[in-house]
Amino acid sequence: MGKYYTVSRGNLHIYVTEGEELISVNEMPALLGLFEPEAAWSWNQRMITCRDVPEDSLRQAEVILGIYGYRRRKLDEHLLERYFVEWDKDLLLPRGGKPTLTVVPEDQRPSRRRKGAGKVSTGERRRAEARIASMLHELEVARKENRLDEDVYMQEREILEEKLGAHRKVQKERHTQTPREMAGEAAAQETSRIRAPEGERKEGPPTPVSAPAAVSPPVALPEETGVPPKDKARELLMRKLREHLEGGALSPAT
């Protein structure tokens, strides 16, 4: 595993082995002219090739690559061209066959190890910030030693400071927004419980429900049960008549 570059006949080859992330074209100062539309360059996930680079740009590009942790390596250009197409790690081995680059097995690559590991830890973020701060220091040293032009130095400094600011912003948001996120999550859960169907509601106060108005059942007299209202008067008259006849108050007609 490693990050390397090779200079050959005015061409710059930047490449990484398995498990390493290649430098972005946006991390190199635009003033170097490496990735301009009129420049001859090619790119894939493991390698960048810039052809016919001016000597001054090539010299300063080496300084920037060194700050990013790349090491210069002498390698035949035709092997690098094959590596660009084939991605065969064996092409990067010396002729004697003894490896000088550490090759990480498929199941041990950082991308595989981080899969499912969750968010980046606070320690990892702090190490990344410390690394960027160290790069800014190295950049300042290169400027003082006149290894970088002032305008190239300023562009690269802006790039690194922007990266550092992004890391610190994430760190700040983690500390200041976590309580808010927790409160928001609790509120969302409470809302979900209130809106849940009655059979699924587990917690929270019951939803108020208006009770129906009480209705008194109709009261029926024993004598009147089953008698239609229109026949009540006639029934009452006939009952009084029977009482008089049975009591002898009236004599039946002969």
Foldseek 3Di string as FASTA:
>chain_A
DAWAWEDDPQKIKTFDAFQDFGDDPLLAFCVQVQDDPVWDWDDDRTMIMTHNRDPLSVLLVVLSVVLVRYYYDDADPVLSVCCVPPVDPQSVADPVSDRPDDHDDPCGRPVNVCVVVDDDDPVVLVVVLVSLVSSLVSLVVCVVVVSDDPVSSVRNNVVSVVVNVVSVVVVVCVVPCPVVVVVVVVVVVQVCLQPDDPVPRDDDDDDDDDDDDDDDDDDDDPVCVPPDPVCPVVVVVVVVVVVCVVVVVDDDDD
